[in-house]
Structure formats: structure tokens, C-alpha cells
């Protein structure tokens, strides 16, 4: 078990990082409650040249300025005023690449996740989607800008403790970007093939 290093995040290929995040474990620890889940679905956003990115054409607002920080930072934004969307900032400072974590397969703290989601039984309604996985894992906009090398939220490898081995990766267009011109059809949504924990929207 090892926490992903700054070097992992600060590479220049956001598509490669998005793929390599599959199978790693997203962890949170808030108020002493540890929750974790295997990342099974991601989406890559390639910054200023990507019309689907919040940073397209160099756009930088109070919300999106976090995307311009160094790789290994959490970028969390509110979607429709309801859903907290957790992204991993990648590349070096000044290059606003990011990877949206769309779905995880729960591992630790499932009872806590169920309470947060107001569910009684485990199913893919728990964490199969970017907004609900954030709710289940206690992620909100309040941690946007926080380092992923911290003690509250991080991503790690657990090679000996993951029920995913030799999995295949499939790709498809990203969700909710069909109006973004030439970039709408980029197959930059990546998921673990045949996983029952990927989002229904993908």
C-alpha cells in the first residue's frame, strides 16, 4: 500500500494519468472516519485546448484557479447547485489539466457511506456516479484546493488488496459535453470493463 506521489500527478499526459488512476484507491478520512473505494471510471480534461474543460481558452475564475495549481491538488466544484464533483488536478503549475473521478467500487467504511447516502443496502447507487461518490465519501467543495498528499484525502495503490486484476479498459465520449464542438466526441471517459460500479450515464 503506497500513496501516489506528486510525480505521478505532475506528468504532462492527462489521458495516461486518467487511465492509470483506474484500479487505484481513493481514500478519505474526515472526523476520524475512513472511507475508500477502487476507482473504476474517470474522465480526462485537457485544459486550455479542450472545449469541455472549465479552463478552455485560458479561462481562470475564482472557482477554476485551483486547476492552475500543481498536479496532486483536489478540484471540487458544485454541479447544478447540488452535486460536489471531485477532480484530480494534473500536470505542472500553470497547466490546468484535470481528471474527474466518476465512480468507485466501495472498500472501507461502507457503513459510513450508507449513512451519508441515506441507504440501507449496498448497491451501485452508493458510489456509481461522480456526485454520489462524493456524498458517500464526505467530499465537498470545502476541500477544493487541498493536496492529495494530505491526511484527509489521498489516492493509493493497494496491489495486494484489490479485487481487480488484469482488468481491461474501455473508453467512450465524456458525459454531458455533447455541445462542446469538436471535443464532444473525444473518447476520454475511461472505465473498467464489465464493472458493475460504473455510472449509468456513461
Protein backbone atom coordinates (compact mmCIF):
# COMPACT_ATOMS: atom_id res chain seq x y z
CA UNK A 1 0.00 0.00 0.00
CA UNK A 2 1.54 3.31 -1.08
CA UNK A 3 0.15 6.80 -1.56
CA UNK A 4 0.51 8.16 -5.10
CA UNK A 5 3.35 10.67 -5.23
CA UNK A 6 3.49 14.20 -6.61
CA UNK A 7 5.48 12.85 -9.57
CA UNK A 8 2.52 10.68 -10.59
CA UNK A 9 0.23 13.68 -10.90
CA UNK A 10 2.68 16.15 -12.38
CA UNK A 11 3.22 14.39 -15.70
CA UNK A 12 2.02 16.02 -18.93
CA UNK A 13 -0.24 13.27 -20.35
CA UNK A 14 -3.66 13.68 -18.74
CA UNK A 15 -5.11 10.80 -20.78
CA UNK A 16 -2.46 8.40 -19.49
CA UNK A 17 -2.97 9.56 -15.91
CA UNK A 18 -6.73 9.16 -16.28
CA UNK A 19 -6.26 5.56 -17.39
CA UNK A 20 -3.66 4.80 -14.74
CA UNK A 21 -5.95 6.03 -11.97
CA UNK A 22 -8.25 3.08 -12.72
CA UNK A 23 -7.64 0.39 -10.13
CA UNK A 24 -6.13 2.76 -7.59
CA UNK A 25 -7.93 3.51 -4.33
CA UNK A 26 -9.45 6.87 -3.41
CA UNK A 27 -9.38 7.40 0.37
CA UNK A 28 -10.90 10.00 2.68
CA UNK A 29 -10.63 10.43 6.42
CA UNK A 30 -12.90 13.06 7.91
CA UNK A 31 -13.65 13.26 11.64
CA UNK A 32 -11.79 10.00 12.12
CA UNK A 33 -13.97 8.12 9.61
CA UNK A 34 -12.00 6.28 6.91
CA UNK A 35 -13.75 5.54 3.63
CA UNK A 36 -12.24 4.23 0.42
CA UNK A 37 -13.14 2.89 -2.98
CA UNK A 38 -11.44 1.50 -6.07
CA UNK A 39 -11.56 3.99 -8.92
CA UNK A 40 -13.38 2.33 -11.83
CA UNK A 41 -14.31 5.31 -14.02
CA UNK A 42 -12.55 8.58 -14.90
CA UNK A 43 -12.76 11.44 -17.39
CA UNK A 44 -9.83 13.46 -18.69
CA UNK A 45 -9.95 17.22 -19.34
CA UNK A 46 -7.08 18.76 -21.28
CA UNK A 47 -7.15 22.37 -20.14
CA UNK A 48 -6.98 25.40 -22.43
CA UNK A 49 -7.28 23.44 -25.70
CA UNK A 50 -10.26 21.34 -24.58
CA UNK A 51 -13.67 22.96 -25.14
CA UNK A 52 -15.19 20.73 -22.47
CA UNK A 53 -12.76 21.95 -19.82
CA UNK A 54 -13.58 24.69 -17.32
CA UNK A 55 -10.20 26.18 -18.27
CA UNK A 56 -10.79 26.25 -22.04
CA UNK A 57 -9.07 29.18 -23.77
CA UNK A 58 -7.27 30.07 -20.57
CA UNK A 59 -10.40 30.86 -18.56
CA UNK A 60 -9.50 31.42 -14.93
CA UNK A 61 -12.07 32.38 -12.29
CA UNK A 62 -12.10 32.27 -8.50
CA UNK A 63 -13.54 28.75 -8.79
CA UNK A 64 -11.26 27.43 -11.52
CA UNK A 65 -7.97 28.99 -10.42
CA UNK A 66 -7.30 25.77 -8.50
CA UNK A 67 -6.94 23.99 -11.84
CA UNK A 68 -3.80 26.06 -12.46
CA UNK A 69 -2.06 24.81 -9.33
CA UNK A 70 0.44 21.96 -9.42
CA UNK A 71 -0.72 18.40 -10.03
CA UNK A 72 -1.85 16.48 -6.99
CA UNK A 73 -4.46 19.00 -5.86
CA UNK A 74 -8.18 18.41 -5.34
CA UNK A 75 -10.54 20.46 -7.52
CA UNK A 76 -14.14 20.16 -6.35
CA UNK A 77 -16.97 22.13 -7.92
CA UNK A 78 -20.72 22.22 -7.44
CA UNK A 79 -22.87 20.95 -10.31
CA UNK A 80 -26.49 22.18 -10.57
CA UNK A 81 -26.06 23.55 -7.05
CA UNK A 82 -26.33 20.03 -5.66
CA UNK A 83 -23.57 17.62 -6.67
CA UNK A 84 -19.98 18.01 -5.49
CA UNK A 85 -17.73 16.84 -8.35
CA UNK A 86 -14.25 15.67 -7.34
CA UNK A 87 -11.39 16.17 -9.79
CA UNK A 88 -7.67 15.45 -9.62
CA UNK A 89 -5.54 18.34 -10.90
CA UNK A 90 -2.62 17.07 -13.02
CA UNK A 91 0.44 18.44 -14.82
CA UNK A 92 2.68 21.26 -13.59
CA UNK A 93 1.63 24.59 -12.11
CA UNK A 94 0.08 26.80 -14.78
CA UNK A 95 -1.25 23.93 -16.95
CA UNK A 96 -4.91 23.31 -16.00
CA UNK A 97 -5.34 19.62 -16.71
CA UNK A 98 -7.75 17.60 -14.55
CA UNK A 99 -9.31 14.16 -14.19
CA UNK A 100 -12.89 13.80 -12.96
CA UNK A 101 -13.40 10.73 -10.77
CA UNK A 102 -16.75 9.38 -11.91
CA UNK A 103 -17.21 6.12 -9.99
CA UNK A 104 -15.62 3.95 -7.33
CA UNK A 105 -16.19 0.44 -6.00
CA UNK A 106 -16.55 0.74 -2.20
CA UNK A 107 -13.94 -0.85 0.08
CA UNK A 108 -13.56 0.66 3.55
CA UNK A 109 -16.22 2.36 5.65
CA UNK A 110 -19.21 1.09 3.70
CA UNK A 111 -21.46 1.57 6.76
CA UNK A 112 -20.45 5.24 6.88
CA UNK A 113 -21.06 5.63 3.15
CA UNK A 114 -24.55 4.14 3.51
CA UNK A 115 -25.36 6.60 6.29
CA UNK A 116 -24.16 9.55 4.25
CA UNK A 117 -26.24 8.41 1.27
CA UNK A 118 -29.26 7.52 3.45
CA UNK A 119 -29.28 4.00 2.06
CA UNK A 120 -29.83 0.70 3.86
CA UNK A 121 -28.33 -1.76 1.39
CA UNK A 122 -25.18 -1.70 -0.71
CA UNK A 123 -25.70 -1.32 -4.45
CA UNK A 124 -24.22 0.74 -7.25
CA UNK A 125 -26.49 3.59 -6.13
CA UNK A 126 -23.90 4.10 -3.40
CA UNK A 127 -20.91 5.32 -5.42
CA UNK A 128 -21.56 4.79 -9.16
CA UNK A 129 -21.54 8.41 -10.24
CA UNK A 130 -19.44 11.50 -9.52
CA UNK A 131 -21.94 13.32 -7.32
CA UNK A 132 -22.99 10.35 -5.22
CA UNK A 133 -19.47 9.05 -4.71
CA UNK A 134 -18.52 12.46 -3.28
CA UNK A 135 -21.51 12.35 -0.95
CA UNK A 136 -20.68 8.81 0.16
CA UNK A 137 -17.05 9.68 0.83
CA UNK A 138 -17.70 13.03 2.52
CA UNK A 139 -16.14 15.10 -0.28
CA UNK A 140 -17.37 18.67 -0.74
CA UNK A 141 -16.24 21.97 -2.21
CA UNK A 142 -14.72 22.81 1.17
CA UNK A 143 -11.70 20.62 0.34
CA UNK A 144 -11.14 22.13 -3.09
CA UNK A 145 -7.51 23.21 -3.28
CA UNK A 146 -6.35 20.63 -0.75
CA UNK A 147 -3.30 18.48 -1.51
CA UNK A 148 -3.88 14.83 -2.38
CA UNK A 149 -0.74 14.07 -0.39
CA UNK A 150 -2.61 15.08 2.76
CA UNK A 151 -4.16 13.05 5.59
CA UNK A 152 -7.78 13.84 4.73
CA UNK A 153 -7.93 12.81 1.08
CA UNK A 154 -5.46 10.82 -0.98
CA UNK A 155 -5.14 8.09 -3.62
CA UNK A 156 -3.07 4.96 -3.11
CA UNK A 157 -2.05 1.69 -4.71
CA UNK A 158 -3.14 -1.50 -2.95
CA UNK A 159 -1.78 -4.18 -5.24
CA UNK A 160 -2.35 -6.98 -2.75
CA UNK A 161 -5.79 -5.93 -1.58
CA UNK A 162 -7.84 -5.10 -4.67
CA UNK A 163 -10.38 -7.44 -6.29
CA UNK A 164 -9.38 -6.11 -9.71
CA UNK A 165 -6.60 -7.87 -11.57
CA UNK A 166 -5.70 -7.81 -15.24
CA UNK A 167 -8.76 -5.70 -15.98
CA UNK A 168 -9.41 -4.22 -19.41
CA UNK A 169 -10.07 -0.54 -20.01
CA UNK A 170 -12.73 0.73 -22.37
CA UNK A 171 -13.22 4.31 -23.49
CA UNK A 172 -16.16 6.40 -24.68
CA UNK A 173 -17.12 10.06 -25.11
CA UNK A 174 -17.38 12.07 -21.92
CA UNK A 175 -20.73 12.63 -20.25
CA UNK A 176 -22.60 15.92 -20.59
CA UNK A 177 -20.30 17.57 -23.13
CA UNK A 178 -22.20 16.90 -26.36
CA UNK A 179 -22.46 20.64 -27.12
CA UNK A 180 -18.71 21.25 -26.91
CA UNK A 181 -17.98 21.20 -30.62
CA UNK A 182 -15.07 19.19 -31.94
CA UNK A 183 -14.17 17.94 -28.45
CA UNK A 184 -17.59 16.45 -27.69
CA UNK A 185 -16.72 13.09 -29.23
CA UNK A 186 -13.27 12.67 -27.76
CA UNK A 187 -13.24 9.18 -26.15
CA UNK A 188 -11.80 10.47 -22.90
CA UNK A 189 -14.10 8.70 -20.46
CA UNK A 190 -12.28 5.58 -19.23
CA UNK A 191 -13.74 2.72 -17.24
CA UNK A 192 -13.01 -0.79 -16.05
CA UNK A 193 -14.69 -3.14 -18.50
CA UNK A 194 -17.63 -5.11 -17.08
CA UNK A 195 -17.53 -3.33 -13.73
CA UNK A 196 -20.96 -3.10 -12.12
CA UNK A 197 -19.86 0.08 -10.36
CA UNK A 198 -19.54 2.45 -13.34
CA UNK A 199 -22.11 5.21 -13.66
CA UNK A 200 -25.30 4.66 -15.63
CA UNK A 201 -24.74 7.91 -17.54
CA UNK A 202 -21.60 6.64 -19.24
